[in-house]
C-alpha atoms as a PDB file:
ATOM      1  CA  MET A   1       3.711 -13.510  24.489  1.00  0.00           C
ATOM      2  CA  ARG A   2       2.155 -14.635  21.238  1.00  0.00           C
ATOM      3  CA  GLN A   3      -0.608 -12.010  21.441  1.00  0.00           C
ATOM      4  CA  TRP A   4       1.917  -9.300  22.289  1.00  0.00           C
ATOM      5  CA  LEU A   5       3.957 -10.141  19.199  1.00  0.00           C
ATOM      6  CA  LYS A   6       0.849 -10.234  17.033  1.00  0.00           C
ATOM      7  CA  ASN A   7      -0.208  -6.806  18.317  1.00  0.00           C
ATOM      8  CA  LEU A   8       3.253  -5.400  17.719  1.00  0.00           C
ATOM      9  CA  LEU A   9       3.344  -6.645  14.134  1.00  0.00           C
ATOM     10  CA  THR A  10      -0.180  -5.430  13.428  1.00  0.00           C
ATOM     11  CA  ARG A  11       0.601  -1.942  14.704  1.00  0.00           C
ATOM     12  CA  GLN A  12       3.780  -1.802  12.666  1.00  0.00           C
ATOM     13  CA  LYS A  13       1.914  -2.863   9.549  1.00  0.00           C
ATOM     14  CA  ALA A  14      -0.720  -0.175  10.106  1.00  0.00           C
ATOM     15  CA  ALA A  15       1.939   2.468  10.670  1.00  0.00           C
ATOM     16  CA  ASN A  16       3.564   1.574   7.357  1.00  0.00           C
ATOM     17  CA  ALA A  17       0.269   1.529   5.461  1.00  0.00           C
ATOM     18  CA  VAL A  18       0.059   3.819   2.462  1.00  0.00           C
ATOM     19  CA  SER A  19      -3.188   5.516   1.505  1.00  0.00           C
ATOM     20  CA  ASP A  20      -4.927   4.769  -1.776  1.00  0.00           C
ATOM     21  CA  LEU A  21      -4.224   8.307  -2.916  1.00  0.00           C
ATOM     22  CA  GLN A  22      -0.524   7.900  -2.120  1.00  0.00           C
ATOM     23  CA  HIS A  23      -0.417   4.688  -4.176  1.00  0.00           C
ATOM     24  CA  ALA A  24      -1.912   6.629  -7.084  1.00  0.00           C
ATOM     25  CA  ILE A  25       0.555   9.489  -6.654  1.00  0.00           C
ATOM     26  CA  ASN A  26       3.451   7.015  -6.557  1.00  0.00           C
ATOM     27  CA  LEU A  27       2.157   5.310  -9.718  1.00  0.00           C
ATOM     28  CA  ILE A  28       1.876   8.600 -11.615  1.00  0.00           C
ATOM     29  CA  ALA A  29       5.305   9.743 -10.409  1.00  0.00           C
ATOM     30  CA  ALA A  30       6.885   6.477 -11.551  1.00  0.00           C
ATOM     31  CA  ILE A  31       5.246   6.747 -14.968  1.00  0.00           C
ATOM     32  CA  ASP A  32       6.325  10.388 -15.318  1.00  0.00           C
ATOM     33  CA  ALA A  33       9.880   9.331 -14.456  1.00  0.00           C
ATOM     34  CA  GLY A  34       9.851   6.960 -17.425  1.00  0.00           C
ATOM     35  CA  GLY A  35       8.612   3.799 -15.772  1.00  0.00           C
ATOM     36  CA  ILE A  36       6.139   1.444 -17.386  1.00  0.00           C
ATOM     37  CA  PRO A  37       3.579  -0.338 -15.219  1.00  0.00           C
ATOM     38  CA  LEU A  38       3.837  -4.048 -15.928  1.00  0.00           C
ATOM     39  CA  ASN A  39       0.792  -5.253 -14.022  1.00  0.00           C
ATOM     40  CA  PRO A  40      -2.527  -3.966 -15.407  1.00  0.00           C
ATOM     41  CA  ALA A  41      -4.391  -5.590 -12.514  1.00  0.00           C
ATOM     42  CA  ARG A  42      -2.419  -3.439 -10.046  1.00  0.00           C
ATOM     43  CA  VAL A  43      -3.253  -0.280 -12.010  1.00  0.00           C
ATOM     44  CA  ASN A  44      -6.924  -1.305 -12.083  1.00  0.00           C
ATOM     45  CA  ALA A  45      -6.856  -1.983  -8.329  1.00  0.00           C
ATOM     46  CA  ILE A  46      -5.476   1.498  -7.656  1.00  0.00           C
ATOM     47  CA  GLY A  47      -8.218   2.989  -9.827  1.00  0.00           C
ATOM     48  CA  ARG A  48     -10.911   1.018  -8.020  1.00  0.00           C
ATOM     49  CA  ALA A  49      -9.488   2.036  -4.642  1.00  0.00           C
ATOM     50  CA  LEU A  50      -9.936   5.662  -5.714  1.00  0.00           C
ATOM     51  CA  GLY A  51     -13.592   4.983  -6.485  1.00  0.00           C
ATOM     52  CA  LEU A  52     -13.358   4.521 -10.243  1.00  0.00           C
ATOM     53  CA  GLU A  53     -15.315   1.837 -12.027  1.00  0.00           C
ATOM     54  CA  VAL A  54     -12.664  -0.016 -14.006  1.00  0.00           C
ATOM     55  CA  SER A  55     -13.423  -2.856 -16.381  1.00  0.00           C
ATOM     56  CA  ARG A  56     -11.043  -5.799 -16.534  1.00  0.00           C
ATOM     57  CA  HIS A  57     -10.909  -5.109 -20.265  1.00  0.00           C
ATOM     58  CA  ALA A  58     -10.134  -1.391 -19.956  1.00  0.00           C
ATOM     59  CA  ARG A  59      -6.950  -0.209 -21.615  1.00  0.00           C
ATOM     60  CA  MET A  60      -4.279   0.518 -19.046  1.00  0.00           C
ATOM     61  CA  GLU A  61      -3.568   3.906 -20.662  1.00  0.00           C
ATOM     62  CA  ASP A  62      -7.209   4.931 -20.197  1.00  0.00           C
ATOM     63  CA  THR A  63      -7.196   3.863 -16.564  1.00  0.00           C
ATOM     64  CA  ILE A  64      -3.969   5.783 -15.922  1.00  0.00           C
ATOM     65  CA  ALA A  65      -5.496   8.901 -17.496  1.00  0.00           C
ATOM     66  CA  ARG A  66      -8.522   8.586 -15.213  1.00  0.00           C
ATOM     67  CA  ILE A  67      -6.263   8.094 -12.184  1.00  0.00           C
ATOM     68  CA  ARG A  68      -4.379  11.272 -13.174  1.00  0.00           C
ATOM     69  CA  GLU A  69      -7.676  13.165 -13.217  1.00  0.00           C
ATOM     70  CA  VAL A  70      -8.592  11.955  -9.730  1.00  0.00           C
ATOM     71  CA  VAL A  71      -5.144  12.763  -8.326  1.00  0.00           C
ATOM     72  CA  GLY A  72      -5.272  16.234  -9.900  1.00  0.00           C
ATOM     73  CA  ALA A  73      -8.762  16.899  -8.581  1.00  0.00           C
ATOM     74  CA  ARG A  74      -7.863  15.791  -5.060  1.00  0.00           C
ATOM     75  CA  ALA A  75      -4.674  17.869  -5.117  1.00  0.00           C
ATOM     76  CA  SER A  76      -6.702  20.914  -6.206  1.00  0.00           C
ATOM     77  CA  GLU A  77      -9.197  20.282  -3.421  1.00  0.00           C
ATOM     78  CA  ALA A  78      -6.395  19.963  -0.866  1.00  0.00           C
ATOM     79  CA  ALA A  79      -4.771  23.167  -2.109  1.00  0.00           C
ATOM     80  CA  ARG A  80      -8.087  24.998  -1.925  1.00  0.00           C
ATOM     81  CA  ARG A  81      -8.545  23.855   1.685  1.00  0.00           C
ATOM     82  CA  GLY A  82      -5.009  24.989   2.485  1.00  0.00           C
ATOM     83  CA  VAL A  83      -3.657  21.497   3.150  1.00  0.00           C
ATOM     84  CA  ILE A  84      -0.923  21.838   0.523  1.00  0.00           C
ATOM     85  CA  ASN A  85       1.418  24.805   0.718  1.00  0.00           C
ATOM     86  CA  ASP A  86       3.527  25.515  -2.355  1.00  0.00           C
END
């Protein structure tokens, strides 16, 4: 019973997992909607998850700009491959 419950919870967690790119898209959308990120470590973690080298001392604005570039580049790549239909 215990193992069954553990498996059920693990599968549910995996099904609700959000990709690193989706985290970045959500961050940019929130900022564009007027939000202000309050946790620089979270912004840095999103940047690192996208493959960026981010210093602990980097300005949050610079990191956000770099994240925007990555999101834009990946969206362009997806559009070129036909994954995104406008």
